[in-house]
Protein backbone atom coordinates (compact mmCIF):
# COMPACT_ATOMS: atom_id res chain seq x y z
CA MET A 1 -15.47 36.15 13.51
CA THR A 2 -13.47 32.90 13.30
CA ASP A 3 -14.32 29.92 11.13
CA PHE A 4 -12.91 27.29 13.47
CA THR A 5 -13.57 26.49 17.11
CA ILE A 6 -11.58 23.99 19.15
CA THR A 7 -13.35 22.58 22.18
CA THR A 8 -11.21 21.20 24.98
CA PHE A 9 -11.47 20.70 28.73
CA ASP A 10 -11.71 23.70 31.02
CA TRP A 11 -8.98 22.21 33.25
CA VAL A 12 -6.78 19.12 33.52
CA PRO A 13 -4.22 18.03 36.15
CA GLU A 14 -0.63 19.14 35.65
CA LEU A 15 0.78 15.87 34.25
CA PRO A 16 -1.12 15.88 30.90
CA ARG A 17 -0.76 19.61 30.31
CA GLY A 18 1.06 20.27 27.08
CA TYR A 19 -0.01 16.84 25.81
CA VAL A 20 -3.80 17.08 25.61
CA ARG A 21 -4.67 16.45 21.99
CA ASP A 22 -6.29 19.80 21.32
CA LEU A 23 -2.62 20.77 20.87
CA ARG A 24 -2.61 18.94 17.52
CA ALA A 25 -5.53 21.03 16.29
CA ARG A 26 -4.04 24.27 17.66
CA TRP A 27 -0.70 23.51 16.01
CA ALA A 28 -2.25 22.68 12.63
CA LEU A 29 -4.40 25.81 12.60
CA GLU A 30 -1.40 27.94 13.56
CA GLU A 31 0.69 26.40 10.76
CA ALA A 32 -2.16 26.92 8.31
CA GLY A 33 -2.61 30.56 9.34
CA LEU A 34 -6.31 29.99 10.04
CA SER A 35 -8.06 31.95 12.76
CA TYR A 36 -9.78 30.01 15.53
CA ASP A 37 -11.09 30.29 19.04
CA VAL A 38 -11.10 27.86 21.94
CA GLN A 39 -14.09 26.84 24.01
CA SER A 40 -14.23 24.69 27.12
CA VAL A 41 -16.28 21.86 28.53
CA PRO A 42 -16.07 20.65 32.14
CA PHE A 43 -13.40 18.09 32.95
CA ASP A 44 -15.25 16.68 35.97
CA ASP A 45 -18.91 16.92 34.97
CA ARG A 46 -19.39 15.95 31.35
CA LYS A 47 -22.80 16.89 29.99
CA SER A 48 -24.90 15.24 27.32
CA ASN A 49 -23.97 17.88 24.73
CA HIS A 50 -20.32 16.84 25.21
CA TYR A 51 -21.19 13.28 24.18
CA ASP A 52 -23.19 14.61 21.27
CA HIS A 53 -19.91 15.93 19.81
CA GLN A 54 -17.48 13.34 21.20
CA PRO A 55 -19.20 10.02 21.96
CA PHE A 56 -16.35 8.83 24.22
CA GLY A 57 -16.38 11.94 26.41
CA GLN A 58 -12.90 12.97 25.30
CA VAL A 59 -11.47 16.12 23.71
CA PRO A 60 -10.93 17.81 21.39
CA TRP A 61 -13.50 18.33 18.76
CA LEU A 62 -13.43 20.92 16.03
CA THR A 63 -16.35 22.87 14.63
CA ASN A 64 -16.16 24.58 11.26
CA ASP A 65 -19.42 26.26 10.22
CA ASP A 66 -21.99 23.45 10.50
CA ILE A 67 -19.39 20.65 10.64
CA SER A 68 -18.36 19.08 13.95
CA ILE A 69 -15.43 16.63 13.94
CA PHE A 70 -13.88 14.55 16.70
CA GLU A 71 -10.67 12.46 16.74
CA SER A 72 -7.40 14.29 16.20
CA GLY A 73 -6.59 12.48 12.97
CA ALA A 74 -9.90 13.44 11.40
CA ILE A 75 -9.42 16.99 12.64
CA LEU A 76 -5.95 17.17 11.07
CA LEU A 77 -7.30 15.88 7.77
CA HIS A 78 -10.04 18.50 7.79
CA ILE A 79 -7.59 21.30 8.50
CA GLY A 80 -5.27 19.92 5.83
CA GLU A 81 -8.06 20.19 3.29
CA CYS A 82 -8.02 23.92 3.99
CA CYS A 83 -4.24 24.32 3.65
CA GLU A 84 -2.30 23.00 0.66
CA THR A 85 1.03 23.27 2.44
CA LEU A 86 -0.14 20.83 5.14
CA LEU A 87 -1.90 18.43 2.75
CA PRO A 88 -0.59 18.70 -0.83
CA VAL A 89 -2.86 18.56 -3.84
CA GLU A 90 -0.42 16.57 -5.98
CA PRO A 91 -1.69 12.95 -5.75
CA GLN A 92 1.54 11.16 -4.85
CA GLU A 93 2.55 13.63 -2.16
CA ARG A 94 -1.00 13.74 -0.83
CA ALA A 95 -1.03 9.94 -0.53
CA LYS A 96 2.35 10.06 1.25
CA VAL A 97 1.02 12.51 3.84
CA GLN A 98 -2.15 10.49 4.35
CA GLU A 99 -0.35 7.18 4.83
CA TRP A 100 2.08 8.64 7.37
CA LEU A 101 -0.75 10.36 9.24
CA PHE A 102 -2.44 7.00 9.72
CA ALA A 103 0.88 5.35 10.53
CA ALA A 104 1.42 7.85 13.34
CA LEU A 105 -1.98 7.14 14.85
CA ASN A 106 -2.08 3.39 14.28
CA SER A 107 1.36 1.84 13.91
CA VAL A 108 3.21 4.11 16.35
CA GLU A 109 0.68 5.55 18.80
CA MET A 110 -0.99 2.15 19.16
CA ALA A 111 2.37 0.82 20.37
CA SER A 112 3.26 3.81 22.54
CA LEU A 113 0.04 4.19 24.54
CA PRO A 114 0.21 0.87 26.45
CA TRP A 115 3.87 1.60 27.21
CA PHE A 116 2.97 5.09 28.45
CA ILE A 117 0.16 3.75 30.65
CA PHE A 118 2.62 1.41 32.36
CA LYS A 119 5.00 4.33 32.90
CA PHE A 120 2.22 6.58 34.15
CA THR A 121 0.91 4.00 36.63
CA ASP A 122 4.36 2.85 37.83
CA GLY A 123 3.77 -0.62 36.45
CA ASP A 124 6.22 -3.42 37.18
CA SER A 125 8.99 -2.86 34.63
CA GLU A 126 10.18 -6.46 35.08
CA SER A 127 6.83 -8.06 34.35
CA SER A 128 6.47 -10.15 31.21
CA GLU A 129 3.60 -7.92 30.08
CA GLN A 130 5.69 -4.77 30.34
CA LYS A 131 8.59 -6.41 28.52
CA ARG A 132 6.32 -7.43 25.64
CA ILE A 133 4.84 -3.94 25.46
CA GLY A 134 8.33 -2.42 25.44
CA GLU A 135 9.48 -4.77 22.70
CA PHE A 136 6.45 -3.87 20.61
CA LEU A 137 7.14 -0.15 20.94
CA HIS A 138 10.84 -0.53 20.21
CA SER A 139 10.14 -2.53 17.07
CA ARG A 140 8.12 0.43 15.81
CA LEU A 141 10.80 2.92 16.85
CA GLN A 142 13.46 0.95 15.00
CA HIS A 143 11.48 1.36 11.80
CA MET A 144 10.98 5.07 12.47
CA GLU A 145 14.70 5.50 13.13
CA LYS A 146 15.49 4.09 9.68
CA THR A 147 12.84 6.25 8.03
CA LEU A 148 13.97 9.47 9.70
CA ALA A 149 17.61 8.82 8.88
CA GLN A 150 16.70 9.47 5.25
CA LYS A 151 14.51 12.56 5.43
CA GLU A 152 13.76 15.78 7.27
CA TRP A 153 9.98 15.34 7.19
CA LEU A 154 7.78 12.36 6.44
CA ALA A 155 6.75 13.75 3.06
CA LYS A 156 8.43 16.33 0.85
CA SER A 157 7.67 19.15 3.29
CA PHE A 158 6.22 19.60 6.78
CA SER A 159 2.62 18.36 6.89
CA ILE A 160 -0.23 17.17 9.11
CA ALA A 161 1.55 13.80 9.19
CA ASP A 162 4.47 15.43 11.02
CA ILE A 163 2.14 17.12 13.48
CA ALA A 164 0.68 13.74 14.41
CA MET A 165 3.95 11.79 14.41
CA ALA A 166 5.96 14.38 16.31
CA ASP A 167 3.24 14.66 18.94
CA VAL A 168 3.18 10.88 19.38
CA LEU A 169 6.96 10.63 19.63
CA ARG A 170 7.40 13.56 22.00
CA LEU A 171 5.27 11.76 24.61
CA VAL A 172 7.58 8.75 24.31
CA HIS A 173 10.53 11.13 24.59
CA ARG A 174 9.07 12.66 27.75
CA PHE A 175 9.56 9.31 29.49
CA ASP A 176 13.01 8.70 27.97
CA GLY A 177 11.75 6.19 25.44
CA LEU A 178 13.85 7.65 22.62
CA GLU A 179 17.24 7.29 24.32
CA ASP A 180 18.42 4.76 21.74
CA TYR A 181 16.88 6.57 18.78
CA PRO A 182 18.83 9.75 17.93
CA ARG A 183 17.06 10.35 14.60
CA CYS A 184 13.69 10.22 16.33
CA ARG A 185 14.90 12.65 18.99
CA GLU A 186 16.24 15.03 16.35
CA TYR A 187 12.93 14.84 14.50
CA VAL A 188 10.96 15.71 17.65
CA THR A 189 13.31 18.61 18.36
CA ARG A 190 13.04 19.84 14.77
CA ALA A 191 9.25 19.76 14.85
CA THR A 192 8.78 21.26 18.30
CA SER A 193 11.25 24.07 17.54
CA ARG A 194 8.84 25.43 14.96
CA PRO A 195 7.37 28.76 16.14
CA LYS A 196 3.80 27.59 15.50
CA PHE A 197 4.26 24.61 17.80
CA GLU A 198 5.73 26.83 20.49
CA LYS A 199 2.75 29.16 20.31
CA ALA A 200 0.22 26.31 20.38
CA TYR A 201 2.02 24.71 23.33
CA LYS A 202 2.19 27.92 25.34
CA ASP A 203 -1.45 28.70 24.59
CA GLN A 204 -2.57 25.30 25.85
CA LEU A 205 -0.58 25.67 29.07
CA ALA A 206 -2.01 29.15 29.61
CA HIS A 207 -5.55 27.85 29.04
CA PHE A 208 -5.27 25.28 31.81
CA GLU A 209 -3.24 27.49 34.13
CA ALA A 210 -5.95 30.14 33.95
CA ALA A 211 -8.41 27.63 35.38
CA ASP A 212 -6.15 27.11 38.41
CA LYS A 213 -6.87 30.67 39.46
């Protein structure tokens, strides 16, 4: 019997595969050495019990005994509470991990998502809106480049903050947004070369590929 259950979609189109955010939960649980299973909800026909767990109709959510948590950041924090290596007990290091977790989801992902949507929808790259969005993202990446020039991981050791930040940056990298940021690219490569990421990534792909059949 497993203590954790990740719920994700039963199927998604090919483009988002490998980037659906249940990957963050899978990766964290793999790094923590915690057993879990994966359940599915329909992608096309979302039922009321889906919204009971995730009020926006998204995925994932995590259940742990009688606790149900949505939003990847909250899920990572919960898993971190169960694994000292991913969320240290020592107050200063714990605060460092927490601040960088929120920075990944607010300062960086908030800037990257509008840029990604333009890329995904083939938006006009010469429009003033797209230029402003690109400038906003690049201002964030410039700060990350300086930060990552000084350290291997965001805190003293690999943590839930790195799971969030690396996952945010690898989507930017997918669309060549890190071309001018070698430290960010190296960081993404370092994080995604970890065996636990590779397993989580392959497992997610296999989950959606199985639904194709």
